[in-house]
């Protein structure tokens, strides 16, 4: 699946070392993956995650260079799909609109492959660039659903954002 400069490819064991190398700190791991993993990220943790039949993980490939530049996942829940673990590995590739392209591909994949009416995600409230990216894709903040995550001596607030299939289709056709 390709959109703009990036495409999604199936994530597999050969991609582990690269992804682990991109996650340089406990804070980066929490931002990327939430509380499921512990730092340092290990192949064993990735094995457990990828063995979950409801999870689909992708390596993000730069279509121009054919090189891996990121990671993204979908997670099938009871009545929706959660997208997340979106990471552009090289800091030089960030803030170039690639996240927006990845989100669009994850939405297209989710609505095309699952019998769902909504897609959701979680994002920390201080991550304004990501929030703007998700809002541009049509997501809105679900004010009634949030979580707190303790990282070292700080409390981070995770906001939940959603988009329903009708809004996605309207935005796609616009």
C-alpha atoms as a PDB file:
ATOM      1  CA  UNK A   1       0.000   0.000   0.000  1.00  0.00           C
ATOM      2  CA  UNK A   2       1.536   3.327  -1.105  1.00  0.00           C
ATOM      3  CA  UNK A   3       0.558   6.942  -0.475  1.00  0.00           C
ATOM      4  CA  UNK A   4       2.791   9.836  -1.513  1.00  0.00           C
ATOM      5  CA  UNK A   5       6.357   9.219  -0.452  1.00  0.00           C
ATOM      6  CA  UNK A   6       5.772   6.188   1.767  1.00  0.00           C
ATOM      7  CA  UNK A   7       4.441   2.665   1.573  1.00  0.00           C
ATOM      8  CA  UNK A   8       3.622   0.035   4.165  1.00  0.00           C
ATOM      9  CA  UNK A   9       5.289  -3.360   4.179  1.00  0.00           C
ATOM     10  CA  UNK A  10       4.738  -6.263   6.562  1.00  0.00           C
ATOM     11  CA  UNK A  11       6.893  -5.923   9.704  1.00  0.00           C
ATOM     12  CA  UNK A  12       8.824  -9.083  10.571  1.00  0.00           C
ATOM     13  CA  UNK A  13      11.710 -10.363  12.707  1.00  0.00           C
ATOM     14  CA  UNK A  14      14.294  -8.952  10.280  1.00  0.00           C
ATOM     15  CA  UNK A  15      12.988  -5.474  11.199  1.00  0.00           C
ATOM     16  CA  UNK A  16      13.380  -5.876  14.975  1.00  0.00           C
ATOM     17  CA  UNK A  17      16.935  -4.586  15.342  1.00  0.00           C
ATOM     18  CA  UNK A  18      16.204  -1.409  13.378  1.00  0.00           C
ATOM     19  CA  UNK A  19      13.055  -0.628  15.389  1.00  0.00           C
ATOM     20  CA  UNK A  20      14.839  -1.318  18.687  1.00  0.00           C
ATOM     21  CA  UNK A  21      17.606   1.075  17.618  1.00  0.00           C
ATOM     22  CA  UNK A  22      15.100   3.856  16.951  1.00  0.00           C
ATOM     23  CA  UNK A  23      13.712   3.689  20.504  1.00  0.00           C
ATOM     24  CA  UNK A  24      16.527   5.354  22.432  1.00  0.00           C
ATOM     25  CA  UNK A  25      14.978   6.036  25.846  1.00  0.00           C
ATOM     26  CA  UNK A  26      12.259   5.092  28.279  1.00  0.00           C
ATOM     27  CA  UNK A  27      10.395   8.283  27.339  1.00  0.00           C
ATOM     28  CA  UNK A  28      10.655   7.546  23.611  1.00  0.00           C
ATOM     29  CA  UNK A  29       9.334   4.030  24.221  1.00  0.00           C
ATOM     30  CA  UNK A  30       6.347   5.323  26.214  1.00  0.00           C
ATOM     31  CA  UNK A  31       5.586   7.901  23.511  1.00  0.00           C
ATOM     32  CA  UNK A  32       5.866   5.264  20.777  1.00  0.00           C
ATOM     33  CA  UNK A  33       4.188   2.266  22.396  1.00  0.00           C
ATOM     34  CA  UNK A  34       2.440   3.244  25.603  1.00  0.00           C
ATOM     35  CA  UNK A  35       2.794   1.057  28.696  1.00  0.00           C
ATOM     36  CA  UNK A  36       2.859  -2.357  27.006  1.00  0.00           C
ATOM     37  CA  UNK A  37       6.645  -2.496  26.675  1.00  0.00           C
ATOM     38  CA  UNK A  38       9.482  -1.833  29.117  1.00  0.00           C
ATOM     39  CA  UNK A  39      12.755  -0.157  28.258  1.00  0.00           C
ATOM     40  CA  UNK A  40      14.963  -1.330  26.714  1.00  0.00           C
ATOM     41  CA  UNK A  41      12.767  -2.798  23.995  1.00  0.00           C
ATOM     42  CA  UNK A  42      13.725  -6.417  23.239  1.00  0.00           C
ATOM     43  CA  UNK A  43      13.012  -8.979  20.528  1.00  0.00           C
ATOM     44  CA  UNK A  44      11.088 -11.024  23.110  1.00  0.00           C
ATOM     45  CA  UNK A  45       8.708  -8.125  23.756  1.00  0.00           C
ATOM     46  CA  UNK A  46       8.207  -7.665  20.020  1.00  0.00           C
ATOM     47  CA  UNK A  47       7.561 -11.405  19.608  1.00  0.00           C
ATOM     48  CA  UNK A  48       4.801 -11.288  22.238  1.00  0.00           C
ATOM     49  CA  UNK A  49       3.204  -8.271  20.597  1.00  0.00           C
ATOM     50  CA  UNK A  50       3.385  -9.631  17.052  1.00  0.00           C
ATOM     51  CA  UNK A  51       1.976 -12.999  18.068  1.00  0.00           C
ATOM     52  CA  UNK A  52      -1.285 -11.230  18.945  1.00  0.00           C
ATOM     53  CA  UNK A  53      -3.622 -12.197  16.077  1.00  0.00           C
ATOM     54  CA  UNK A  54      -5.457  -8.856  16.387  1.00  0.00           C
ATOM     55  CA  UNK A  55      -2.306  -6.816  15.691  1.00  0.00           C
ATOM     56  CA  UNK A  56      -0.944  -5.958  12.242  1.00  0.00           C
ATOM     57  CA  UNK A  57       2.474  -4.306  12.185  1.00  0.00           C
ATOM     58  CA  UNK A  58       4.079  -2.503   9.273  1.00  0.00           C
ATOM     59  CA  UNK A  59       7.489  -1.210   8.335  1.00  0.00           C
ATOM     60  CA  UNK A  60       7.181   2.193   6.692  1.00  0.00           C
ATOM     61  CA  UNK A  61       9.268   2.345   3.511  1.00  0.00           C
ATOM     62  CA  UNK A  62      10.426   5.512   1.737  1.00  0.00           C
ATOM     63  CA  UNK A  63       9.170   4.941  -1.823  1.00  0.00           C
ATOM     64  CA  UNK A  64      11.933   7.107  -3.289  1.00  0.00           C
ATOM     65  CA  UNK A  65      14.874   5.321  -1.636  1.00  0.00           C
ATOM     66  CA  UNK A  66      13.178   1.975  -0.914  1.00  0.00           C
ATOM     67  CA  UNK A  67      14.654   2.183   2.612  1.00  0.00           C
ATOM     68  CA  UNK A  68      12.786   1.601   5.895  1.00  0.00           C
ATOM     69  CA  UNK A  69      12.067   4.875   7.694  1.00  0.00           C
ATOM     70  CA  UNK A  70       9.422   3.994  10.255  1.00  0.00           C
ATOM     71  CA  UNK A  71       6.928   1.716  11.907  1.00  0.00           C
ATOM     72  CA  UNK A  72       3.125   1.654  12.360  1.00  0.00           C
ATOM     73  CA  UNK A  73       0.469  -0.756  13.625  1.00  0.00           C
ATOM     74  CA  UNK A  74      -3.237  -1.488  13.728  1.00  0.00           C
ATOM     75  CA  UNK A  75      -4.972  -3.346  16.531  1.00  0.00           C
ATOM     76  CA  UNK A  76      -8.416  -4.872  16.028  1.00  0.00           C
ATOM     77  CA  UNK A  77     -10.675  -4.381  19.029  1.00  0.00           C
ATOM     78  CA  UNK A  78     -14.294  -5.432  19.546  1.00  0.00           C
ATOM     79  CA  UNK A  79     -15.981  -2.680  17.522  1.00  0.00           C
ATOM     80  CA  UNK A  80     -13.118  -0.526  16.275  1.00  0.00           C
ATOM     81  CA  UNK A  81      -9.488  -0.530  15.261  1.00  0.00           C
ATOM     82  CA  UNK A  82      -6.805   1.291  17.190  1.00  0.00           C
ATOM     83  CA  UNK A  83      -3.950   2.661  15.126  1.00  0.00           C
ATOM     84  CA  UNK A  84      -0.692   3.495  16.769  1.00  0.00           C
ATOM     85  CA  UNK A  85       2.946   2.872  17.355  1.00  0.00           C
ATOM     86  CA  UNK A  86       3.558   5.303  14.531  1.00  0.00           C
ATOM     87  CA  UNK A  87       7.225   6.179  14.457  1.00  0.00           C
ATOM     88  CA  UNK A  88       9.455   7.924  11.950  1.00  0.00           C
ATOM     89  CA  UNK A  89      12.823   6.510  12.989  1.00  0.00           C
ATOM     90  CA  UNK A  90      15.219   9.119  11.647  1.00  0.00           C
ATOM     91  CA  UNK A  91      14.671  12.516  13.249  1.00  0.00           C
ATOM     92  CA  UNK A  92      15.663  14.206   9.958  1.00  0.00           C
ATOM     93  CA  UNK A  93      12.595  12.636   8.298  1.00  0.00           C
ATOM     94  CA  UNK A  94      10.158  14.037  10.890  1.00  0.00           C
ATOM     95  CA  UNK A  95       7.922  17.088  10.380  1.00  0.00           C
ATOM     96  CA  UNK A  96       7.751  16.507   6.622  1.00  0.00           C
ATOM     97  CA  UNK A  97       4.153  15.268   6.373  1.00  0.00           C
ATOM     98  CA  UNK A  98       5.091  11.591   6.376  1.00  0.00           C
ATOM     99  CA  UNK A  99       3.027  10.934   9.504  1.00  0.00           C
ATOM    100  CA  UNK A 100      -0.036  12.263   7.696  1.00  0.00           C
ATOM    101  CA  UNK A 101       0.583   9.836   4.831  1.00  0.00           C
ATOM    102  CA  UNK A 102       1.036   6.929   7.259  1.00  0.00           C
ATOM    103  CA  UNK A 103      -2.197   7.778   9.093  1.00  0.00           C
ATOM    104  CA  UNK A 104      -4.095   7.878   5.790  1.00  0.00           C
ATOM    105  CA  UNK A 105      -2.749   4.453   4.815  1.00  0.00           C
ATOM    106  CA  UNK A 106      -3.638   2.994   8.219  1.00  0.00           C
ATOM    107  CA  UNK A 107      -7.174   4.393   7.927  1.00  0.00           C
ATOM    108  CA  UNK A 108      -7.572   2.997   4.416  1.00  0.00           C
ATOM    109  CA  UNK A 109      -6.229  -0.391   5.528  1.00  0.00           C
ATOM    110  CA  UNK A 110      -8.447  -0.490   8.622  1.00  0.00           C
ATOM    111  CA  UNK A 111     -11.725   0.454   6.956  1.00  0.00           C
ATOM    112  CA  UNK A 112     -11.033  -1.810   3.962  1.00  0.00           C
ATOM    113  CA  UNK A 113      -9.992  -4.896   5.935  1.00  0.00           C
ATOM    114  CA  UNK A 114     -12.152  -4.876   9.050  1.00  0.00           C
ATOM    115  CA  UNK A 115     -15.901  -4.694   9.567  1.00  0.00           C
ATOM    116  CA  UNK A 116     -15.712  -1.628  11.809  1.00  0.00           C
ATOM    117  CA  UNK A 117     -17.380   1.753  12.066  1.00  0.00           C
ATOM    118  CA  UNK A 118     -14.562   3.679  13.787  1.00  0.00           C
ATOM    119  CA  UNK A 119     -10.817   3.977  14.195  1.00  0.00           C
ATOM    120  CA  UNK A 120      -9.222   5.367  17.330  1.00  0.00           C
ATOM    121  CA  UNK A 121      -5.795   6.190  18.692  1.00  0.00           C
ATOM    122  CA  UNK A 122      -4.138   7.515  21.818  1.00  0.00           C
ATOM    123  CA  UNK A 123      -1.746  10.453  21.889  1.00  0.00           C
ATOM    124  CA  UNK A 124      -0.102  12.330  24.732  1.00  0.00           C
ATOM    125  CA  UNK A 125      -1.561  15.787  25.266  1.00  0.00           C
ATOM    126  CA  UNK A 126       1.836  17.499  24.981  1.00  0.00           C
ATOM    127  CA  UNK A 127       2.447  16.006  21.510  1.00  0.00           C
ATOM    128  CA  UNK A 128       0.827  18.896  19.643  1.00  0.00           C
ATOM    129  CA  UNK A 129       2.409  18.045  16.275  1.00  0.00           C
ATOM    130  CA  UNK A 130       0.861  14.563  16.355  1.00  0.00           C
ATOM    131  CA  UNK A 131      -2.507  15.921  17.522  1.00  0.00           C
ATOM    132  CA  UNK A 132      -2.541  18.374  14.591  1.00  0.00           C
ATOM    133  CA  UNK A 133      -1.635  15.537  12.205  1.00  0.00           C
ATOM    134  CA  UNK A 134      -4.525  13.415  13.490  1.00  0.00           C
ATOM    135  CA  UNK A 135      -6.983  16.320  13.401  1.00  0.00           C
ATOM    136  CA  UNK A 136      -5.988  17.007   9.795  1.00  0.00           C
ATOM    137  CA  UNK A 137      -6.865  13.367   9.031  1.00  0.00           C
ATOM    138  CA  UNK A 138     -10.328  13.885  10.585  1.00  0.00           C
ATOM    139  CA  UNK A 139      -9.820  12.597  14.112  1.00  0.00           C
ATOM    140  CA  UNK A 140     -11.480  14.397  17.004  1.00  0.00           C
ATOM    141  CA  UNK A 141     -10.661  14.201  20.703  1.00  0.00           C
ATOM    142  CA  UNK A 142     -12.921  11.875  22.673  1.00  0.00           C
ATOM    143  CA  UNK A 143     -13.252  14.009  25.817  1.00  0.00           C
ATOM    144  CA  UNK A 144     -14.674  11.150  27.867  1.00  0.00           C
ATOM    145  CA  UNK A 145     -11.735   8.800  27.370  1.00  0.00           C
ATOM    146  CA  UNK A 146      -8.229   9.531  28.596  1.00  0.00           C
ATOM    147  CA  UNK A 147      -5.537   7.827  30.600  1.00  0.00           C
ATOM    148  CA  UNK A 148      -2.602   8.807  32.747  1.00  0.00           C
ATOM    149  CA  UNK A 149       0.799   7.181  32.407  1.00  0.00           C
ATOM    150  CA  UNK A 150       3.609   7.614  34.896  1.00  0.00           C
ATOM    151  CA  UNK A 151       7.007   8.018  33.303  1.00  0.00           C
ATOM    152  CA  UNK A 152       9.861   8.505  35.759  1.00  0.00           C
ATOM    153  CA  UNK A 153       8.594  11.313  38.042  1.00  0.00           C
ATOM    154  CA  UNK A 154       6.091  12.786  35.588  1.00  0.00           C
ATOM    155  CA  UNK A 155       2.458  12.043  34.824  1.00  0.00           C
ATOM    156  CA  UNK A 156       1.611  12.050  31.118  1.00  0.00           C
ATOM    157  CA  UNK A 157      -2.003  12.397  29.962  1.00  0.00           C
ATOM    158  CA  UNK A 158      -3.015  10.267  26.980  1.00  0.00           C
ATOM    159  CA  UNK A 159      -5.923  11.622  24.956  1.00  0.00           C
ATOM    160  CA  UNK A 160      -8.140   9.323  22.898  1.00  0.00           C
ATOM    161  CA  UNK A 161      -9.043  10.449  19.385  1.00  0.00           C
ATOM    162  CA  UNK A 162     -11.557   8.869  17.008  1.00  0.00           C
ATOM    163  CA  UNK A 163     -12.832   9.042  13.466  1.00  0.00           C
ATOM    164  CA  UNK A 164     -15.920   7.245  12.224  1.00  0.00           C
ATOM    165  CA  UNK A 165     -16.230   5.617   8.817  1.00  0.00           C
ATOM    166  CA  UNK A 166     -18.642   8.235   7.461  1.00  0.00           C
ATOM    167  CA  UNK A 167     -16.311  11.124   8.304  1.00  0.00           C
ATOM    168  CA  UNK A 168     -13.361   9.191   6.858  1.00  0.00           C
ATOM    169  CA  UNK A 169     -15.246   8.638   3.586  1.00  0.00           C
ATOM    170  CA  UNK A 170     -16.288  12.301   3.436  1.00  0.00           C
ATOM    171  CA  UNK A 171     -12.694  13.458   3.955  1.00  0.00           C
ATOM    172  CA  UNK A 172     -11.361  10.931   1.455  1.00  0.00           C
ATOM    173  CA  UNK A 173     -13.725  12.147  -1.276  1.00  0.00           C
ATOM    174  CA  UNK A 174     -13.097  15.851  -0.558  1.00  0.00           C
END
